[in-house]
Amino acid sequence: MFTPCTDKRVAVFFADGCEEIEGLSVVDVLYRAGVPCDKVSISDSLSVTSSHQVTFLTDKLLSQISFDDYSMLVLPGGLPGTTNLEACEPLMQAVDAFVADGRAL
């Protein structure tokens, strides 16, 4: 059972072609630590297929979230997943805003 230990929230963004272990491991560690986390698809489908042809479901679509709800944005690696994340203009604008606001290290 998930018991949150903070009011901070993390969004992990997934695109087709991602490296599933790089994203889902982060989600697992955050869950175990009690940090609220949403798996967010950048496409119009909750279903994402990794670079290894592993298909899984995310919690939300990018179109359903507000970046203001999150303290951290995670962009997992993998090819062509990172290329697909980089091509997502709203996500890249949010990353730039986090950096400009000093919210990214």
PDB file of N, CA and C in Angstrom:
ATOM      1  N   MET A   1       0.833  -1.179   0.000  1.00  0.00           N
ATOM      2  CA  MET A   1       0.000   0.000   0.000  1.00  0.00           C
ATOM      3  C   MET A   1       0.877   1.242   0.000  1.00  0.00           C
ATOM      4  N   PHE A   2       0.553   2.198  -0.840  1.00  0.00           N
ATOM      5  CA  PHE A   2       1.335   3.430  -0.972  1.00  0.00           C
ATOM      6  C   PHE A   2       0.950   4.414   0.114  1.00  0.00           C
ATOM      7  N   THR A   3       1.961   4.881   0.856  1.00  0.00           N
ATOM      8  CA  THR A   3       1.760   5.907   1.860  1.00  0.00           C
ATOM      9  C   THR A   3       2.687   7.070   1.520  1.00  0.00           C
ATOM     10  N   PRO A   4       2.126   8.201   1.054  1.00  0.00           N
ATOM     11  CA  PRO A   4       2.996   9.322   0.675  1.00  0.00           C
ATOM     12  C   PRO A   4       3.731   9.896   1.879  1.00  0.00           C
ATOM     13  N   CYS A   5       5.006  10.251   1.660  1.00  0.00           N
ATOM     14  CA  CYS A   5       5.798  10.850   2.736  1.00  0.00           C
ATOM     15  C   CYS A   5       6.108  12.314   2.436  1.00  0.00           C
ATOM     16  N   THR A   6       5.566  12.831   1.330  1.00  0.00           N
ATOM     17  CA  THR A   6       5.805  14.212   0.933  1.00  0.00           C
ATOM     18  C   THR A   6       4.627  14.710   0.107  1.00  0.00           C
ATOM     19  N   ASP A   7       4.487  16.014   0.044  1.00  0.00           N
ATOM     20  CA  ASP A   7       3.459  16.581  -0.831  1.00  0.00           C
ATOM     21  C   ASP A   7       4.041  16.942  -2.199  1.00  0.00           C
ATOM     22  N   LYS A   8       5.337  16.734  -2.369  1.00  0.00           N
ATOM     23  CA  LYS A   8       5.977  16.960  -3.667  1.00  0.00           C
ATOM     24  C   LYS A   8       5.580  15.820  -4.599  1.00  0.00           C
ATOM     25  N   ARG A   9       5.514  16.120  -5.900  1.00  0.00           N
ATOM     26  CA  ARG A   9       5.071  15.125  -6.873  1.00  0.00           C
ATOM     27  C   ARG A   9       6.052  15.093  -8.042  1.00  0.00           C
ATOM     28  N   VAL A  10       6.278  13.899  -8.591  1.00  0.00           N
ATOM     29  CA  VAL A  10       7.201  13.697  -9.698  1.00  0.00           C
ATOM     30  C   VAL A  10       6.427  13.192 -10.910  1.00  0.00           C
ATOM     31  N   ALA A  11       6.793  13.691 -12.093  1.00  0.00           N
ATOM     32  CA  ALA A  11       6.240  13.189 -13.353  1.00  0.00           C
ATOM     33  C   ALA A  11       7.360  12.506 -14.121  1.00  0.00           C
ATOM     34  N   VAL A  12       7.135  11.254 -14.505  1.00  0.00           N
ATOM     35  CA  VAL A  12       8.077  10.514 -15.346  1.00  0.00           C
ATOM     36  C   VAL A  12       7.430  10.392 -16.714  1.00  0.00           C
ATOM     37  N   PHE A  13       8.101  10.941 -17.724  1.00  0.00           N
ATOM     38  CA  PHE A  13       7.539  11.012 -19.070  1.00  0.00           C
ATOM     39  C   PHE A  13       8.004   9.849 -19.926  1.00  0.00           C
ATOM     40  N   PHE A  14       7.056   9.250 -20.626  1.00  0.00           N
ATOM     41  CA  PHE A  14       7.348   8.089 -21.464  1.00  0.00           C
ATOM     42  C   PHE A  14       6.943   8.347 -22.899  1.00  0.00           C
ATOM     43  N   ALA A  15       7.806   7.922 -23.807  1.00  0.00           N
ATOM     44  CA  ALA A  15       7.537   7.982 -25.241  1.00  0.00           C
ATOM     45  C   ALA A  15       7.828   6.606 -25.823  1.00  0.00           C
ATOM     46  N   ASP A  16       7.159   6.280 -26.904  1.00  0.00           N
ATOM     47  CA  ASP A  16       7.479   5.027 -27.589  1.00  0.00           C
ATOM     48  C   ASP A  16       8.973   5.004 -27.896  1.00  0.00           C
ATOM     49  N   GLY A  17       9.568   3.834 -27.686  1.00  0.00           N
ATOM     50  CA  GLY A  17      10.997   3.676 -27.925  1.00  0.00           C
ATOM     51  C   GLY A  17      11.851   3.964 -26.707  1.00  0.00           C
ATOM     52  N   CYS A  18      11.215   4.165 -25.549  1.00  0.00           N
ATOM     53  CA  CYS A  18      11.971   4.437 -24.325  1.00  0.00           C
ATOM     54  C   CYS A  18      12.716   3.186 -23.860  1.00  0.00           C
ATOM     55  N   GLU A  19      13.634   3.404 -22.954  1.00  0.00           N
ATOM     56  CA  GLU A  19      14.313   2.306 -22.264  1.00  0.00           C
ATOM     57  C   GLU A  19      13.476   2.053 -21.013  1.00  0.00           C
ATOM     58  N   GLU A  20      12.684   0.987 -21.019  1.00  0.00           N
ATOM     59  CA  GLU A  20      11.692   0.786 -19.952  1.00  0.00           C
ATOM     60  C   GLU A  20      12.317   0.724 -18.566  1.00  0.00           C
ATOM     61  N   ILE A  21      13.493   0.135 -18.437  1.00  0.00           N
ATOM     62  CA  ILE A  21      14.110  -0.002 -17.116  1.00  0.00           C
ATOM     63  C   ILE A  21      14.516   1.372 -16.563  1.00  0.00           C
ATOM     64  N   GLU A  22      14.887   2.301 -17.440  1.00  0.00           N
ATOM     65  CA  GLU A  22      15.296   3.628 -16.980  1.00  0.00           C
ATOM     66  C   GLU A  22      14.118   4.439 -16.448  1.00  0.00           C
ATOM     67  N   GLY A  23      12.944   4.179 -16.939  1.00  0.00           N
ATOM     68  CA  GLY A  23      11.765   4.885 -16.452  1.00  0.00           C
ATOM     69  C   GLY A  23      11.063   4.155 -15.333  1.00  0.00           C
ATOM     70  N   LEU A  24      10.826   2.873 -15.526  1.00  0.00           N
ATOM     71  CA  LEU A  24      10.047   2.125 -14.538  1.00  0.00           C
ATOM     72  C   LEU A  24      10.826   1.883 -13.254  1.00  0.00           C
ATOM     73  N   SER A  25      12.158   1.815 -13.324  1.00  0.00           N
ATOM     74  CA  SER A  25      12.954   1.694 -12.096  1.00  0.00           C
ATOM     75  C   SER A  25      12.827   2.950 -11.248  1.00  0.00           C
ATOM     76  N   VAL A  26      12.825   4.102 -11.900  1.00  0.00           N
ATOM     77  CA  VAL A  26      12.643   5.365 -11.182  1.00  0.00           C
ATOM     78  C   VAL A  26      11.271   5.378 -10.506  1.00  0.00           C
ATOM     79  N   VAL A  27      10.255   4.976 -11.245  1.00  0.00           N
ATOM     80  CA  VAL A  27       8.897   4.923 -10.696  1.00  0.00           C
ATOM     81  C   VAL A  27       8.860   3.995  -9.486  1.00  0.00           C
ATOM     82  N   ASP A  28       9.492   2.841  -9.581  1.00  0.00           N
ATOM     83  CA  ASP A  28       9.506   1.876  -8.484  1.00  0.00           C
ATOM     84  C   ASP A  28      10.211   2.440  -7.246  1.00  0.00           C
ATOM     85  N   VAL A  29      11.357   3.060  -7.438  1.00  0.00           N
ATOM     86  CA  VAL A  29      12.102   3.633  -6.302  1.00  0.00           C
ATOM     87  C   VAL A  29      11.292   4.743  -5.636  1.00  0.00           C
ATOM     88  N   LEU A  30      10.677   5.604  -6.444  1.00  0.00           N
ATOM     89  CA  LEU A  30       9.856   6.675  -5.873  1.00  0.00           C
ATOM     90  C   LEU A  30       8.683   6.099  -5.085  1.00  0.00           C
ATOM     91  N   TYR A  31       8.036   5.097  -5.633  1.00  0.00           N
ATOM     92  CA  TYR A  31       6.910   4.448  -4.945  1.00  0.00           C
ATOM     93  C   TYR A  31       7.360   3.891  -3.592  1.00  0.00           C
ATOM     94  N   ARG A  32       8.472   3.175  -3.597  1.00  0.00           N
ATOM     95  CA  ARG A  32       8.976   2.576  -2.356  1.00  0.00           C
ATOM     96  C   ARG A  32       9.382   3.627  -1.332  1.00  0.00           C
ATOM     97  N   ALA A  33       9.808   4.801  -1.814  1.00  0.00           N
ATOM     98  CA  ALA A  33      10.222   5.889  -0.922  1.00  0.00           C
ATOM     99  C   ALA A  33       9.043   6.737  -0.462  1.00  0.00           C
ATOM    100  N   GLY A  34       7.855   6.486  -1.016  1.00  0.00           N
ATOM    101  CA  GLY A  34       6.675   7.249  -0.623  1.00  0.00           C
ATOM    102  C   GLY A  34       6.529   8.577  -1.329  1.00  0.00           C
ATOM    103  N   VAL A  35       7.177   8.702  -2.493  1.00  0.00           N
ATOM    104  CA  VAL A  35       7.099   9.947  -3.262  1.00  0.00           C
ATOM    105  C   VAL A  35       6.032   9.787  -4.343  1.00  0.00           C
ATOM    106  N   PRO A  36       4.995  10.606  -4.319  1.00  0.00           N
ATOM    107  CA  PRO A  36       3.953  10.513  -5.339  1.00  0.00           C
ATOM    108  C   PRO A  36       4.540  10.727  -6.737  1.00  0.00           C
ATOM    109  N   CYS A  37       4.135   9.883  -7.660  1.00  0.00           N
ATOM    110  CA  CYS A  37       4.709   9.878  -8.993  1.00  0.00           C
ATOM    111  C   CYS A  37       3.640   9.520 -10.017  1.00  0.00           C
ATOM    112  N   ASP A  38       3.659  10.219 -11.138  1.00  0.00           N
ATOM    113  CA  ASP A  38       2.772   9.894 -12.245  1.00  0.00           C
ATOM    114  C   ASP A  38       3.599   9.472 -13.447  1.00  0.00           C
ATOM    115  N   LYS A  39       3.184   8.388 -14.069  1.00  0.00           N
ATOM    116  CA  LYS A  39       3.754   7.971 -15.347  1.00  0.00           C
ATOM    117  C   LYS A  39       2.944   8.694 -16.423  1.00  0.00           C
ATOM    118  N   VAL A  40       3.615   9.511 -17.244  1.00  0.00           N
ATOM    119  CA  VAL A  40       2.922  10.364 -18.204  1.00  0.00           C
ATOM    120  C   VAL A  40       3.355  10.016 -19.625  1.00  0.00           C
ATOM    121  N   SER A  41       2.385   9.705 -20.457  1.00  0.00           N
ATOM    122  CA  SER A  41       2.638   9.446 -21.875  1.00  0.00           C
ATOM    123  C   SER A  41       2.613  10.764 -22.630  1.00  0.00           C
ATOM    124  N   ILE A  42       3.585  10.956 -23.535  1.00  0.00           N
ATOM    125  CA  ILE A  42       3.579  12.187 -24.319  1.00  0.00           C
ATOM    126  C   ILE A  42       2.699  12.064 -25.560  1.00  0.00           C
ATOM    127  N   SER A  43       2.175  10.881 -25.816  1.00  0.00           N
ATOM    128  CA  SER A  43       1.320  10.689 -26.992  1.00  0.00           C
ATOM    129  C   SER A  43      -0.150  10.819 -26.585  1.00  0.00           C
ATOM    130  N   ASP A  44      -1.027  10.433 -27.478  1.00  0.00           N
ATOM    131  CA  ASP A  44      -2.459  10.481 -27.171  1.00  0.00           C
ATOM    132  C   ASP A  44      -2.984   9.125 -26.703  1.00  0.00           C
ATOM    133  N   SER A  45      -2.063   8.260 -26.273  1.00  0.00           N
ATOM    134  CA  SER A  45      -2.422   6.929 -25.788  1.00  0.00           C
ATOM    135  C   SER A  45      -1.718   6.667 -24.456  1.00  0.00           C
ATOM    136  N   LEU A  46      -2.436   6.033 -23.530  1.00  0.00           N
ATOM    137  CA  LEU A  46      -1.806   5.637 -22.261  1.00  0.00           C
ATOM    138  C   LEU A  46      -0.822   4.496 -22.451  1.00  0.00           C
ATOM    139  N   SER A  47      -0.919   3.802 -23.542  1.00  0.00           N
ATOM    140  CA  SER A  47      -0.057   2.666 -23.847  1.00  0.00           C
ATOM    141  C   SER A  47       1.249   3.144 -24.486  1.00  0.00           C
ATOM    142  N   VAL A  48       2.363   2.637 -23.975  1.00  0.00           N
ATOM    143  CA  VAL A  48       3.691   2.976 -24.494  1.00  0.00           C
ATOM    144  C   VAL A  48       4.423   1.672 -24.789  1.00  0.00           C
ATOM    145  N   THR A  49       5.134   1.640 -25.908  1.00  0.00           N
ATOM    146  CA  THR A  49       5.933   0.457 -26.262  1.00  0.00           C
ATOM    147  C   THR A  49       7.403   0.848 -26.245  1.00  0.00           C
ATOM    148  N   SER A  50       8.183   0.120 -25.458  1.00  0.00           N
ATOM    149  CA  SER A  50       9.595   0.433 -25.263  1.00  0.00           C
ATOM    150  C   SER A  50      10.433   0.009 -26.465  1.00  0.00           C
ATOM    151  N   SER A  51      11.710   0.355 -26.391  1.00  0.00           N
ATOM    152  CA  SER A  51      12.653  -0.024 -27.447  1.00  0.00           C
ATOM    153  C   SER A  51      12.831  -1.536 -27.529  1.00  0.00           C
ATOM    154  N   HIS A  52      12.454  -2.245 -26.469  1.00  0.00           N
ATOM    155  CA  HIS A  52      12.545  -3.713 -26.440  1.00  0.00           C
ATOM    156  C   HIS A  52      11.187  -4.373 -26.675  1.00  0.00           C
ATOM    157  N   GLN A  53      10.249  -3.589 -27.190  1.00  0.00           N
ATOM    158  CA  GLN A  53       8.905  -4.067 -27.523  1.00  0.00           C
ATOM    159  C   GLN A  53       8.105  -4.522 -26.298  1.00  0.00           C
ATOM    160  N   VAL A  54       8.381  -3.914 -25.147  1.00  0.00           N
ATOM    161  CA  VAL A  54       7.599  -4.146 -23.935  1.00  0.00           C
ATOM    162  C   VAL A  54       6.542  -3.041 -23.885  1.00  0.00           C
ATOM    163  N   THR A  55       5.281  -3.440 -23.849  1.00  0.00           N
ATOM    164  CA  THR A  55       4.193  -2.468 -23.811  1.00  0.00           C
ATOM    165  C   THR A  55       3.640  -2.371 -22.395  1.00  0.00           C
ATOM    166  N   PHE A  56       3.471  -1.147 -21.916  1.00  0.00           N
ATOM    167  CA  PHE A  56       2.937  -0.917 -20.569  1.00  0.00           C
ATOM    168  C   PHE A  56       2.035   0.304 -20.604  1.00  0.00           C
ATOM    169  N   LEU A  57       1.275   0.480 -19.531  1.00  0.00           N
ATOM    170  CA  LEU A  57       0.338   1.593 -19.436  1.00  0.00           C
ATOM    171  C   LEU A  57       0.875   2.688 -18.524  1.00  0.00           C
ATOM    172  N   THR A  58       0.626   3.926 -18.922  1.00  0.00           N
ATOM    173  CA  THR A  58       0.948   5.067 -18.079  1.00  0.00           C
ATOM    174  C   THR A  58      -0.316   5.490 -17.325  1.00  0.00           C
ATOM    175  N   ASP A  59      -0.148   6.443 -16.418  1.00  0.00           N
ATOM    176  CA  ASP A  59      -1.276   6.909 -15.608  1.00  0.00           C
ATOM    177  C   ASP A  59      -2.051   8.038 -16.276  1.00  0.00           C
ATOM    178  N   LYS A  60      -1.318   8.888 -17.003  1.00  0.00           N
ATOM    179  CA  LYS A  60      -1.914  10.105 -17.552  1.00  0.00           C
ATOM    180  C   LYS A  60      -1.321  10.405 -18.918  1.00  0.00           C
ATOM    181  N   LEU A  61      -2.040  11.239 -19.648  1.00  0.00           N
ATOM    182  CA  LEU A  61      -1.543  11.774 -20.902  1.00  0.00           C
ATOM    183  C   LEU A  61      -0.965  13.164 -20.639  1.00  0.00           C
ATOM    184  N   LEU A  62      -0.005  13.560 -21.431  1.00  0.00           N
ATOM    185  CA  LEU A  62       0.576  14.892 -21.295  1.00  0.00           C
ATOM    186  C   LEU A  62      -0.506  15.966 -21.354  1.00  0.00           C
ATOM    187  N   SER A  63      -1.499  15.759 -22.198  1.00  0.00           N
ATOM    188  CA  SER A  63      -2.583  16.735 -22.352  1.00  0.00           C
ATOM    189  C   SER A  63      -3.452  16.858 -21.100  1.00  0.00           C
ATOM    190  N   GLN A  64      -3.311  15.934 -20.154  1.00  0.00           N
ATOM    191  CA  GLN A  64      -4.138  15.938 -18.947  1.00  0.00           C
ATOM    192  C   GLN A  64      -3.455  16.554 -17.734  1.00  0.00           C
ATOM    193  N   ILE A  65      -2.183  16.930 -17.867  1.00  0.00           N
ATOM    194  CA  ILE A  65      -1.453  17.386 -16.682  1.00  0.00           C
ATOM    195  C   ILE A  65      -1.154  18.875 -16.745  1.00  0.00           C
ATOM    196  N   SER A  66      -0.835  19.419 -15.574  1.00  0.00           N
ATOM    197  CA  SER A  66      -0.286  20.758 -15.456  1.00  0.00           C
ATOM    198  C   SER A  66       1.123  20.606 -14.880  1.00  0.00           C
ATOM    199  N   PHE A  67       2.100  21.163 -15.548  1.00  0.00           N
ATOM    200  CA  PHE A  67       3.480  21.061 -15.066  1.00  0.00           C
ATOM    201  C   PHE A  67       3.643  21.719 -13.701  1.00  0.00           C
ATOM    202  N   ASP A  68       2.770  22.641 -13.363  1.00  0.00           N
ATOM    203  CA  ASP A  68       2.830  23.311 -12.058  1.00  0.00           C
ATOM    204  C   ASP A  68       2.566  22.349 -10.900  1.00  0.00           C
ATOM    205  N   ASP A  69       2.001  21.195 -11.177  1.00  0.00           N
ATOM    206  CA  ASP A  69       1.702  20.209 -10.135  1.00  0.00           C
ATOM    207  C   ASP A  69       2.922  19.392  -9.728  1.00  0.00           C
ATOM    208  N   TYR A  70       4.044  19.577 -10.424  1.00  0.00           N
ATOM    209  CA  TYR A  70       5.199  18.707 -10.221  1.00  0.00           C
ATOM    210  C   TYR A  70       6.423  19.473  -9.742  1.00  0.00           C
ATOM    211  N   SER A  71       7.171  18.811  -8.858  1.00  0.00           N
ATOM    212  CA  SER A  71       8.429  19.352  -8.359  1.00  0.00           C
ATOM    213  C   SER A  71       9.616  18.829  -9.148  1.00  0.00           C
ATOM    214  N   MET A  72       9.407  17.720  -9.862  1.00  0.00           N
ATOM    215  CA  MET A  72      10.491  17.115 -10.624  1.00  0.00           C
ATOM    216  C   MET A  72       9.934  16.482 -11.885  1.00  0.00           C
ATOM    217  N   LEU A  73      10.686  16.640 -12.977  1.00  0.00           N
ATOM    218  CA  LEU A  73      10.362  16.000 -14.242  1.00  0.00           C
ATOM    219  C   LEU A  73      11.471  15.012 -14.562  1.00  0.00           C
ATOM    220  N   VAL A  74      11.106  13.782 -14.907  1.00  0.00           N
ATOM    221  CA  VAL A  74      12.088  12.755 -15.250  1.00  0.00           C
ATOM    222  C   VAL A  74      11.873  12.351 -16.697  1.00  0.00           C
ATOM    223  N   LEU A  75      12.961  12.360 -17.473  1.00  0.00           N
ATOM    224  CA  LEU A  75      12.922  11.975 -18.878  1.00  0.00           C
ATOM    225  C   LEU A  75      13.854  10.781 -19.064  1.00  0.00           C
ATOM    226  N   PRO A  76      13.294   9.565 -19.086  1.00  0.00           N
ATOM    227  CA  PRO A  76      14.124   8.370 -19.242  1.00  0.00           C
ATOM    228  C   PRO A  76      14.806   8.331 -20.606  1.00  0.00           C
ATOM    229  N   GLY A  77      15.909   7.609 -20.672  1.00  0.00           N
ATOM    230  CA  GLY A  77      16.666   7.473 -21.912  1.00  0.00           C
ATOM    231  C   GLY A  77      16.120   6.394 -22.822  1.00  0.00           C
ATOM    232  N   GLY A  78      16.939   6.027 -23.775  1.00  0.00           N
ATOM    233  CA  GLY A  78      16.579   5.014 -24.765  1.00  0.00           C
ATOM    234  C   GLY A  78      16.353   5.642 -26.117  1.00  0.00           C
ATOM    235  N   LEU A  79      16.585   4.837 -27.135  1.00  0.00           N
ATOM    236  CA  LEU A  79      16.367   5.310 -28.501  1.00  0.00           C
ATOM    237  C   LEU A  79      15.369   4.420 -29.202  1.00  0.00           C
ATOM    238  N   PRO A  80      14.419   5.013 -29.866  1.00  0.00           N
ATOM    239  CA  PRO A  80      14.281   6.434 -30.179  1.00  0.00           C
ATOM    240  C   PRO A  80      13.467   7.227 -29.156  1.00  0.00           C
ATOM    241  N   GLY A  81      13.310   6.685 -27.938  1.00  0.00           N
ATOM    242  CA  GLY A  81      12.504   7.368 -26.926  1.00  0.00           C
ATOM    243  C   GLY A  81      12.959   8.777 -26.622  1.00  0.00           C
ATOM    244  N   THR A  82      14.280   8.978 -26.460  1.00  0.00           N
ATOM    245  CA  THR A  82      14.754  10.327 -26.145  1.00  0.00           C
ATOM    246  C   THR A  82      14.522  11.283 -27.310  1.00  0.00           C
ATOM    247  N   THR A  83      14.659  10.776 -28.523  1.00  0.00           N
ATOM    248  CA  THR A  83      14.374  11.598 -29.703  1.00  0.00           C
ATOM    249  C   THR A  83      12.898  12.001 -29.712  1.00  0.00           C
ATOM    250  N   ASN A  84      12.037  11.058 -29.354  1.00  0.00           N
ATOM    251  CA  ASN A  84      10.593  11.353 -29.301  1.00  0.00           C
ATOM    252  C   ASN A  84      10.265  12.345 -28.194  1.00  0.00           C
ATOM    253  N   LEU A  85      10.933  12.215 -27.036  1.00  0.00           N
ATOM    254  CA  LEU A  85      10.723  13.198 -25.959  1.00  0.00           C
ATOM    255  C   LEU A  85      11.177  14.579 -26.411  1.00  0.00           C
ATOM    256  N   GLU A  86      12.333  14.641 -27.054  1.00  0.00           N
ATOM    257  CA  GLU A  86      12.876  15.917 -27.508  1.00  0.00           C
ATOM    258  C   GLU A  86      11.977  16.585 -28.549  1.00  0.00           C
ATOM    259  N   ALA A  87      11.265  15.796 -29.316  1.00  0.00           N
ATOM    260  CA  ALA A  87      10.365  16.331 -30.342  1.00  0.00           C
ATOM    261  C   ALA A  87       9.042  16.833 -29.758  1.00  0.00           C
ATOM    262  N   CYS A  88       8.815  16.591 -28.475  1.00  0.00           N
ATOM    263  CA  CYS A  88       7.566  17.013 -27.821  1.00  0.00           C
ATOM    264  C   CYS A  88       7.734  18.441 -27.314  1.00  0.00           C
ATOM    265  N   GLU A  89       7.246  19.390 -28.084  1.00  0.00           N
ATOM    266  CA  GLU A  89       7.454  20.808 -27.786  1.00  0.00           C
ATOM    267  C   GLU A  89       6.939  21.232 -26.403  1.00  0.00           C
ATOM    268  N   PRO A  90       5.723  20.834 -25.994  1.00  0.00           N
ATOM    269  CA  PRO A  90       5.275  21.253 -24.650  1.00  0.00           C
ATOM    270  C   PRO A  90       6.186  20.734 -23.534  1.00  0.00           C
ATOM    271  N   LEU A  91       6.689  19.539 -23.684  1.00  0.00           N
ATOM    272  CA  LEU A  91       7.583  18.978 -22.668  1.00  0.00           C
ATOM    273  C   LEU A  91       8.906  19.747 -22.639  1.00  0.00           C
ATOM    274  N   MET A  92       9.464  20.028 -23.799  1.00  0.00           N
ATOM    275  CA  MET A  92      10.736  20.752 -23.844  1.00  0.00           C
ATOM    276  C   MET A  92      10.581  22.176 -23.301  1.00  0.00           C
ATOM    277  N   GLN A  93       9.438  22.803 -23.552  1.00  0.00           N
ATOM    278  CA  GLN A  93       9.183  24.132 -22.980  1.00  0.00           C
ATOM    279  C   GLN A  93       9.124  24.058 -21.460  1.00  0.00           C
ATOM    280  N   ALA A  94       8.522  23.001 -20.933  1.00  0.00           N
ATOM    281  CA  ALA A  94       8.440  22.833 -19.478  1.00  0.00           C
ATOM    282  C   ALA A  94       9.827  22.592 -18.890  1.00  0.00           C
ATOM    283  N   VAL A  95      10.640  21.784 -19.554  1.00  0.00           N
ATOM    284  CA  VAL A  95      12.009  21.537 -19.083  1.00  0.00           C
ATOM    285  C   VAL A  95      12.777  22.856 -19.060  1.00  0.00           C
ATOM    286  N   ASP A  96      12.674  23.641 -20.127  1.00  0.00           N
ATOM    287  CA  ASP A  96      13.348  24.944 -20.170  1.00  0.00           C
ATOM    288  C   ASP A  96      12.867  25.848 -19.039  1.00  0.00           C
ATOM    289  N   ALA A  97      11.570  25.827 -18.760  1.00  0.00           N
ATOM    290  CA  ALA A  97      11.019  26.646 -17.678  1.00  0.00           C
ATOM    291  C   ALA A  97      11.543  26.184 -16.321  1.00  0.00           C
ATOM    292  N   PHE A  98      11.643  24.891 -16.110  1.00  0.00           N
ATOM    293  CA  PHE A  98      12.187  24.373 -14.848  1.00  0.00           C
ATOM    294  C   PHE A  98      13.624  24.841 -14.672  1.00  0.00           C
ATOM    295  N   VAL A  99      14.413  24.796 -15.743  1.00  0.00           N
ATOM    296  CA  VAL A  99      15.808  25.253 -15.675  1.00  0.00           C
ATOM    297  C   VAL A  99      15.864  26.748 -15.394  1.00  0.00           C
ATOM    298  N   ALA A 100      15.061  27.519 -16.116  1.00  0.00           N
ATOM    299  CA  ALA A 100      15.058  28.974 -15.937  1.00  0.00           C
ATOM    300  C   ALA A 100      14.645  29.386 -14.530  1.00  0.00           C
ATOM    301  N   ASP A 101      13.742  28.606 -13.928  1.00  0.00           N
ATOM    302  CA  ASP A 101      13.271  28.899 -12.571  1.00  0.00           C
ATOM    303  C   ASP A 101      14.194  28.342 -11.494  1.00  0.00           C
ATOM    304  N   GLY A 102      15.281  27.691 -11.902  1.00  0.00           N
ATOM    305  CA  GLY A 102      16.203  27.097 -10.927  1.00  0.00           C
ATOM    306  C   GLY A 102      15.664  25.839 -10.294  1.00  0.00           C
ATOM    307  N   ARG A 103      14.681  25.204 -10.933  1.00  0.00           N
ATOM    308  CA  ARG A 103      14.080  24.000 -10.378  1.00  0.00           C
ATOM    309  C   ARG A 103      14.751  22.732 -10.899  1.00  0.00           C
ATOM    310  N   ALA A 104      15.784  22.879 -11.724  1.00  0.00           N
ATOM    311  CA  ALA A 104      16.483  21.720 -12.267  1.00  0.00           C
ATOM    312  C   ALA A 104      17.952  21.805 -11.871  1.00  0.00           C
ATOM    313  N   LEU A 105      18.512  20.672 -11.568  1.00  0.00           N
ATOM    314  CA  LEU A 105      19.940  20.618 -11.199  1.00  0.00           C
ATOM    315  C   LEU A 105      20.737  20.010 -12.323  1.00  0.00           C
TER     316      LEU A 105
END
